[in-house]
Protein backbone atom coordinates (compact mmCIF):
# COMPACT_ATOMS: atom_id res chain seq x y z
CA UNK A 1 119.37 72.32 116.48
CA UNK A 2 115.84 72.10 117.80
CA UNK A 3 112.51 71.70 116.02
CA UNK A 4 109.30 73.30 117.25
CA UNK A 5 106.05 72.78 115.36
CA UNK A 6 104.05 76.01 115.25
CA UNK A 7 100.31 75.66 114.67
CA UNK A 8 98.88 79.15 114.70
CA UNK A 9 99.39 82.21 112.46
CA UNK A 10 99.78 84.38 115.55
CA UNK A 11 102.73 82.22 116.61
CA UNK A 12 104.27 82.45 113.14
CA UNK A 13 103.69 86.17 112.47
CA UNK A 14 106.76 87.35 114.48
CA UNK A 15 108.90 85.27 112.11
CA UNK A 16 107.40 86.76 108.91
CA UNK A 17 110.60 88.63 107.98
CA UNK A 18 112.73 85.52 108.59
CA UNK A 19 110.23 83.48 106.56
CA UNK A 20 110.65 85.83 103.58
CA UNK A 21 114.44 85.85 103.87
CA UNK A 22 114.40 82.06 103.65
CA UNK A 23 112.04 82.03 100.63
CA UNK A 24 114.84 82.90 98.14
CA UNK A 25 112.64 85.52 96.51
CA UNK A 26 110.06 83.04 95.16
CA UNK A 27 106.64 84.73 95.68
CA UNK A 28 104.77 81.42 96.09
CA UNK A 29 106.87 80.71 99.19
CA UNK A 30 106.42 84.13 100.77
CA UNK A 31 104.66 84.89 104.04
CA UNK A 32 102.26 87.18 102.16
CA UNK A 33 101.15 84.44 99.75
CA UNK A 34 101.00 81.49 102.13
CA UNK A 35 99.46 83.23 105.14
CA UNK A 36 96.70 84.61 102.88
CA UNK A 37 96.19 81.12 101.47
CA UNK A 38 95.75 79.72 104.99
CA UNK A 39 93.25 82.39 106.01
CA UNK A 40 91.11 81.53 102.99
CA UNK A 41 91.64 77.77 102.68
CA UNK A 42 92.43 76.67 106.20
CA UNK A 43 91.14 79.08 108.80
CA UNK A 44 87.75 79.82 110.30
CA UNK A 45 84.61 77.89 109.37
CA UNK A 46 86.29 76.04 106.52
CA UNK A 47 88.97 74.76 108.93
CA UNK A 48 86.29 73.28 111.19
CA UNK A 49 84.63 71.54 108.25
CA UNK A 50 87.81 69.90 106.97
CA UNK A 51 89.75 69.42 110.21
CA UNK A 52 92.72 71.34 108.86
CA UNK A 53 95.43 72.57 111.23
CA UNK A 54 98.67 74.37 110.61
CA UNK A 55 101.68 72.07 110.84
CA UNK A 56 104.85 74.18 110.43
CA UNK A 57 108.00 72.54 111.82
CA UNK A 58 110.51 75.33 112.51
CA UNK A 59 114.22 74.59 112.95
CA UNK A 60 116.21 76.83 115.29
CA UNK A 61 119.98 76.84 115.76
CA UNK A 62 121.87 77.00 119.06
CA UNK A 63 121.39 80.79 119.22
CA UNK A 64 117.60 80.38 118.83
CA UNK A 65 117.71 81.84 115.32
CA UNK A 66 115.22 80.45 112.82
CA UNK A 67 117.22 78.69 110.10
CA UNK A 68 114.51 76.64 108.35
CA UNK A 69 110.79 75.94 108.27
CA UNK A 70 108.41 73.61 106.45
CA UNK A 71 105.25 75.59 105.47
CA UNK A 72 102.73 72.77 105.78
CA UNK A 73 99.32 71.97 107.21
CA UNK A 74 97.72 68.76 108.42
CA UNK A 75 94.29 67.52 107.38
CA UNK A 76 92.53 64.71 109.22
CA UNK A 77 89.40 62.68 108.69
CA UNK A 78 89.83 61.45 105.11
CA UNK A 79 90.42 57.90 103.84
CA UNK A 80 94.20 58.45 103.87
CA UNK A 81 94.27 59.38 107.54
CA UNK A 82 96.22 62.39 108.77
CA UNK A 83 97.76 63.99 105.67
CA UNK A 84 100.44 66.69 105.69
CA UNK A 85 100.40 68.97 102.62
CA UNK A 86 102.07 72.26 101.62
CA UNK A 87 100.39 75.56 102.23
CA UNK A 88 99.46 77.03 98.84
CA UNK A 89 98.52 73.69 97.27
CA UNK A 90 95.22 72.70 95.70
CA UNK A 91 93.34 74.94 93.30
CA UNK A 92 95.68 77.91 93.86
CA UNK A 93 98.39 75.88 92.06
CA UNK A 94 101.46 77.37 93.75
CA UNK A 95 104.67 76.22 92.07
CA UNK A 96 108.24 75.84 93.38
CA UNK A 97 107.11 74.99 96.92
CA UNK A 98 109.82 73.66 99.21
CA UNK A 99 111.25 73.58 102.72
CA UNK A 100 112.61 77.07 103.40
CA UNK A 101 116.20 76.79 104.58
CA UNK A 102 119.46 78.70 104.83
CA UNK A 103 121.56 77.32 101.92
CA UNK A 104 124.65 76.63 104.03
CA UNK A 105 122.66 74.49 106.48
CA UNK A 106 120.74 72.23 104.11
CA UNK A 107 122.37 68.94 105.10
CA UNK A 108 122.02 69.45 108.83
CA UNK A 109 118.50 70.87 108.59
CA UNK A 110 117.11 68.11 106.36
CA UNK A 111 118.52 65.39 108.63
CA UNK A 112 117.11 67.14 111.72
CA UNK A 113 113.71 67.56 110.08
CA UNK A 114 113.62 63.95 108.85
CA UNK A 115 114.42 62.69 112.34
CA UNK A 116 111.73 64.92 113.82
CA UNK A 117 109.11 63.62 111.39
CA UNK A 118 110.11 59.99 111.87
CA UNK A 119 110.41 59.69 115.63
CA UNK A 120 107.41 58.52 117.61
CA UNK A 121 105.86 61.47 119.50
CA UNK A 122 105.60 61.27 123.28
CA UNK A 123 102.15 60.29 124.52
CA UNK A 124 101.90 63.33 126.80
CA UNK A 125 102.47 65.86 123.97
CA UNK A 126 99.18 66.43 122.08
CA UNK A 127 100.90 68.78 119.61
CA UNK A 128 102.96 65.87 118.25
CA UNK A 129 100.20 63.67 116.91
CA UNK A 130 101.36 61.14 114.27
CA UNK A 131 100.88 61.71 110.54
CA UNK A 132 99.97 59.03 107.99
CA UNK A 133 101.05 60.68 104.74
CA UNK A 134 103.27 63.57 103.66
CA UNK A 135 101.96 64.60 100.23
CA UNK A 136 103.99 67.21 98.36
CA UNK A 137 103.17 68.77 94.99
CA UNK A 138 104.54 71.64 92.92
CA UNK A 139 108.10 70.54 93.73
CA UNK A 140 110.92 71.47 91.35
CA UNK A 141 112.60 68.19 90.36
CA UNK A 142 115.99 69.91 90.87
CA UNK A 143 115.14 71.08 94.40
CA UNK A 144 118.15 69.99 96.47
CA UNK A 145 116.53 70.63 99.85
CA UNK A 146 113.56 68.37 99.08
CA UNK A 147 115.83 65.74 97.53
CA UNK A 148 118.00 65.62 100.66
CA UNK A 149 114.97 65.53 102.94
CA UNK A 150 113.48 62.59 101.01
CA UNK A 151 116.78 60.70 101.13
CA UNK A 152 116.97 61.15 104.91
CA UNK A 153 113.32 60.14 105.34
CA UNK A 154 113.90 56.98 103.31
CA UNK A 155 117.02 56.18 105.33
CA UNK A 156 114.96 56.56 108.50
CA UNK A 157 112.59 53.80 107.33
CA UNK A 158 109.82 55.80 105.65
CA UNK A 159 108.44 54.84 102.23
CA UNK A 160 109.11 57.51 99.59
CA UNK A 161 107.07 57.41 96.37
CA UNK A 162 107.94 59.91 93.60
CA UNK A 163 106.31 60.50 90.26
CA UNK A 164 106.62 63.19 87.59
CA UNK A 165 104.33 66.19 87.87
CA UNK A 166 103.45 68.77 85.21
CA UNK A 167 106.33 70.75 83.73
CA UNK A 168 106.90 74.39 84.43
CA UNK A 169 108.24 76.37 81.48
CA UNK A 170 110.90 79.09 81.77
CA UNK A 171 112.74 81.40 79.38
CA UNK A 172 116.25 82.52 80.35
CA UNK A 173 116.07 86.08 79.09
CA UNK A 174 118.86 87.64 77.01
CA UNK A 175 120.04 91.24 77.52
CA UNK A 176 118.02 92.85 74.71
CA UNK A 177 114.74 92.43 72.84
CA UNK A 178 116.57 91.95 69.54
CA UNK A 179 118.60 89.15 71.14
CA UNK A 180 115.35 87.51 72.21
CA UNK A 181 113.81 87.79 68.76
CA UNK A 182 116.91 86.12 67.35
CA UNK A 183 116.13 83.07 69.53
CA UNK A 184 112.78 82.53 67.77
CA UNK A 185 112.02 80.69 64.58
CA UNK A 186 111.95 82.85 61.47
CA UNK A 187 108.19 82.44 61.13
CA UNK A 188 107.44 83.32 64.76
CA UNK A 189 109.76 86.32 64.61
CA UNK A 190 107.92 87.62 61.54
CA UNK A 191 104.54 87.15 63.28
CA UNK A 192 105.60 89.15 66.34
CA UNK A 193 107.10 91.96 64.29
CA UNK A 194 103.95 92.14 62.19
CA UNK A 195 101.77 92.37 65.32
CA UNK A 196 104.06 95.02 66.74
CA UNK A 197 103.93 97.16 63.59
CA UNK A 198 100.19 96.74 63.07
CA UNK A 199 98.91 97.20 66.62
CA UNK A 200 101.51 98.38 69.14
CA UNK A 201 103.48 100.83 66.98
CA UNK A 202 100.28 102.42 65.65
CA UNK A 203 98.86 102.99 69.13
CA UNK A 204 95.81 100.81 68.53
CA UNK A 205 97.03 98.45 71.26
CA UNK A 206 98.07 100.02 74.57
CA UNK A 207 99.46 98.22 77.63
CA UNK A 208 98.28 99.51 81.03
CA UNK A 209 100.12 98.61 84.25
CA UNK A 210 98.75 98.72 87.78
CA UNK A 211 101.09 100.89 89.85
CA UNK A 212 98.82 102.19 92.62
CA UNK A 213 96.28 100.64 94.95
CA UNK A 214 93.48 102.80 93.57
CA UNK A 215 94.04 101.24 90.11
CA UNK A 216 93.71 97.70 91.42
CA UNK A 217 89.89 97.28 91.64
CA UNK A 218 89.38 98.17 87.97
CA UNK A 219 92.16 95.81 86.89
CA UNK A 220 90.74 92.97 89.00
CA UNK A 221 87.32 93.46 87.36
CA UNK A 222 88.99 93.08 83.97
CA UNK A 223 90.91 90.00 85.14
CA UNK A 224 87.81 88.24 86.45
CA UNK A 225 85.72 89.14 83.41
CA UNK A 226 88.25 88.11 80.73
CA UNK A 227 89.42 85.01 82.58
CA UNK A 228 85.91 83.72 83.23
CA UNK A 229 84.53 84.45 79.77
CA UNK A 230 87.51 82.81 78.07
CA UNK A 231 87.20 79.72 80.29
CA UNK A 232 83.44 79.53 79.72
CA UNK A 233 84.07 79.69 75.96
CA UNK A 234 86.31 76.63 76.41
CA UNK A 235 83.67 74.77 78.42
CA UNK A 236 85.41 75.29 81.77
CA UNK A 237 84.24 76.82 85.07
CA UNK A 238 87.11 79.26 85.49
CA UNK A 239 89.09 79.86 88.67
CA UNK A 240 86.88 82.68 89.96
CA UNK A 241 83.87 80.36 90.12
CA UNK A 242 85.43 79.23 93.40
CA UNK A 243 84.44 81.67 96.19
CA UNK A 244 87.57 80.78 98.15
CA UNK A 245 89.86 81.47 95.19
CA UNK A 246 88.16 84.80 94.55
CA UNK A 247 88.47 85.76 98.23
CA UNK A 248 92.13 84.71 98.27
CA UNK A 249 92.89 86.95 95.29
CA UNK A 250 91.00 89.89 96.78
CA UNK A 251 93.11 89.59 99.94
CA UNK A 252 96.55 88.86 98.52
CA UNK A 253 96.69 91.24 95.52
CA UNK A 254 96.90 94.52 97.52
CA UNK A 255 99.64 93.09 99.74
CA UNK A 256 101.61 91.84 96.74
CA UNK A 257 101.36 95.29 95.17
CA UNK A 258 102.57 96.96 98.38
CA UNK A 259 105.50 94.53 98.54
CA UNK A 260 106.51 95.17 94.93
CA UNK A 261 105.73 91.56 93.93
CA UNK A 262 102.67 92.16 91.72
CA UNK A 263 102.74 92.91 88.00
CA UNK A 264 99.19 93.22 86.71
CA UNK A 265 98.90 94.51 83.13
CA UNK A 266 96.02 94.66 80.72
CA UNK A 267 96.00 95.36 77.01
CA UNK A 268 93.44 97.59 75.35
CA UNK A 269 92.77 97.40 71.63
CA UNK A 270 90.97 100.42 70.23
CA UNK A 271 90.08 101.38 73.81
CA UNK A 272 88.63 97.99 74.80
CA UNK A 273 90.34 95.50 77.18
CA UNK A 274 91.23 92.37 75.22
CA UNK A 275 93.89 90.66 77.36
CA UNK A 276 95.24 90.71 80.91
CA UNK A 277 98.15 89.02 82.66
CA UNK A 278 98.59 88.57 86.43
CA UNK A 279 102.27 88.05 87.18
CA UNK A 280 104.39 87.73 90.31
CA UNK A 281 107.93 89.07 90.62
CA UNK A 282 110.82 87.95 92.80
CA UNK A 283 114.48 86.98 92.67
CA UNK A 284 114.91 88.44 89.19
CA UNK A 285 112.18 86.20 87.76
CA UNK A 286 108.76 87.18 86.43
CA UNK A 287 106.12 84.44 86.94
CA UNK A 288 103.06 84.47 84.64
CA UNK A 289 100.44 83.19 87.07
CA UNK A 290 97.05 83.86 85.46
CA UNK A 291 95.46 85.66 82.58
CA UNK A 292 92.45 86.15 80.39
CA UNK A 293 91.58 87.20 76.86
CA UNK A 294 88.52 88.56 75.10
CA UNK A 295 86.87 85.62 73.27
CA UNK A 296 85.41 87.98 70.67
CA UNK A 297 88.82 89.43 69.75
CA UNK A 298 90.72 86.25 68.94
CA UNK A 299 91.33 87.33 65.33
CA UNK A 300 93.73 89.96 66.75
CA UNK A 301 95.69 87.32 68.73
CA UNK A 302 95.43 89.12 72.07
CA UNK A 303 97.18 86.34 73.98
CA UNK A 304 100.22 86.46 71.73
CA UNK A 305 100.17 90.26 71.79
CA UNK A 306 100.23 90.58 75.58
CA UNK A 307 102.83 87.81 75.89
CA UNK A 308 105.07 89.75 73.51
CA UNK A 309 104.52 92.98 75.43
CA UNK A 310 105.22 91.29 78.77
CA UNK A 311 108.40 89.60 77.54
CA UNK A 312 109.75 92.85 76.16
CA UNK A 313 108.84 94.60 79.40
CA UNK A 314 110.65 91.89 81.41
CA UNK A 315 113.82 92.16 79.32
CA UNK A 316 113.86 95.95 79.51
CA UNK A 317 113.20 95.72 83.25
CA UNK A 318 116.33 93.64 83.79
CA UNK A 319 114.68 90.34 84.72
CA UNK A 320 116.84 87.26 84.21
CA UNK A 321 113.97 84.85 83.48
CA UNK A 322 110.29 84.69 82.53
CA UNK A 323 108.42 81.67 83.90
CA UNK A 324 105.13 80.48 82.38
CA UNK A 325 104.68 78.07 85.34
CA UNK A 326 102.99 74.67 85.11
CA UNK A 327 101.19 73.25 82.10
CA UNK A 328 102.36 71.94 78.74
CA UNK A 329 100.46 74.38 76.52
CA UNK A 330 101.81 74.52 72.98
CA UNK A 331 102.63 78.23 72.99
CA UNK A 332 105.27 77.95 75.74
CA UNK A 333 108.00 76.19 73.73
CA UNK A 334 106.97 78.36 70.77
CA UNK A 335 108.24 81.35 72.79
CA UNK A 336 111.44 79.37 73.49
CA UNK A 337 110.57 78.43 77.05
CA UNK A 338 112.24 75.23 78.27
CA UNK A 339 110.57 72.61 80.49
CA UNK A 340 111.46 72.38 84.19
CA UNK A 341 110.20 69.02 85.48
CA UNK A 342 108.29 68.88 88.73
CA UNK A 343 107.59 66.09 91.19
CA UNK A 344 104.62 64.78 93.14
CA UNK A 345 105.81 63.01 96.28
CA UNK A 346 104.20 60.72 98.86
CA UNK A 347 106.06 59.85 102.06
CA UNK A 348 104.53 57.17 104.28
CA UNK A 349 105.77 56.30 107.80
CA UNK A 350 106.56 52.71 108.69
CA UNK A 351 103.48 52.24 110.91
CA UNK A 352 101.32 49.33 109.74
CA UNK A 353 98.10 51.37 109.43
CA UNK A 354 99.79 54.04 107.28
CA UNK A 355 101.46 51.41 105.09
CA UNK A 356 98.14 49.63 104.59
CA UNK A 357 96.47 52.87 103.44
CA UNK A 358 99.36 53.53 101.08
CA UNK A 359 99.20 50.04 99.58
CA UNK A 360 95.46 50.41 98.98
CA UNK A 361 96.09 53.76 97.26
CA UNK A 362 98.97 52.30 95.23
CA UNK A 363 96.83 49.38 94.00
CA UNK A 364 94.06 51.76 92.94
CA UNK A 365 96.54 54.06 91.24
CA UNK A 366 98.12 51.18 89.34
CA UNK A 367 94.68 50.18 88.03
CA UNK A 368 94.06 53.77 86.87
CA UNK A 369 97.42 53.87 85.09
CA UNK A 370 96.71 50.51 83.44
CA UNK A 371 93.29 51.70 82.21
CA UNK A 372 94.78 54.95 80.86
CA UNK A 373 97.56 53.13 79.01
CA UNK A 374 95.01 50.71 77.56
CA UNK A 375 92.82 53.55 76.31
CA UNK A 376 95.85 55.19 74.70
CA UNK A 377 96.74 51.97 72.89
CA UNK A 378 93.18 51.62 71.61
CA UNK A 379 93.19 55.23 70.42
CA UNK A 380 96.54 54.73 68.68
CA UNK A 381 95.16 51.67 66.80
CA UNK A 382 92.00 53.53 65.86
CA UNK A 383 89.72 50.72 67.14
């Protein structure tokens, strides 16, 4: 096996189909999602400002076939030195990120990749500049590829620091809607049936689904409007206040629709949009990525109404799971979703300068944790 680090989208584009085959159907790992993320968060003028460069180690077998790749980038110039992070991270909040790998080759690939990352680069190879920190987020705690990679990195002398991240929440869907309703508490089941009778069955509430490109602009307008107004009502900026996030969505949504990975539905009540849900589909799973509701229609429970419609749609569409993604909002277990723990990981090479930076960070982080725990104790006592 050989590892080559590719640092340009033009170099990676010929491997787009292989990339998607290795992604195991998870949309957040796809070429469409991550290449669009890089064009909006890494490329062009923004890249020059932040000193970001693609850093994608690709593993090839003896027949020169691509068998694995790590979709990462490297950012230099900050207090932590040269930091390697996953494409798709940051405010886009991509979940289930990993090293893409053929399942049968995980052990060999992770050892090869760990050795590549650990060895000192030759002085005459400018493409192999050293890194000071590998910082991974959005990692499924049960991800075997990442677990094996971290074990090999630790065995090679690197420092590996893990901590829990936010939970994702997933429902394993039963075969029928009635089977799903039977999973709920009696009170919740009665609420959903009442909403269905009062609004959906009467035709007052109608679910619209984007199926064609010419329907997309109108749906995106609704998404931005309802998301931003709901967030503003909660005292938050909203995702679309970020020009880069807005540009990323404008680019990636048409491609997701063409690829069959986008499910964008909005709910109208008495002819007025009151809720919208932006979902991604892949591998038999529907991922609820983003949504919005009409703040002036909360008495009709639009969030609960569209969640019910989407879950029924997913079951009838043959999906095996519905994933609410990260965040411990109260409604997720209420719909019988179960937590899937995630990890935040820091890997630090054995070089003295990198270890010093890590120890400074660790000391500061320990102080923050101590202050937080102290504040919680004070709040619990009521002082």
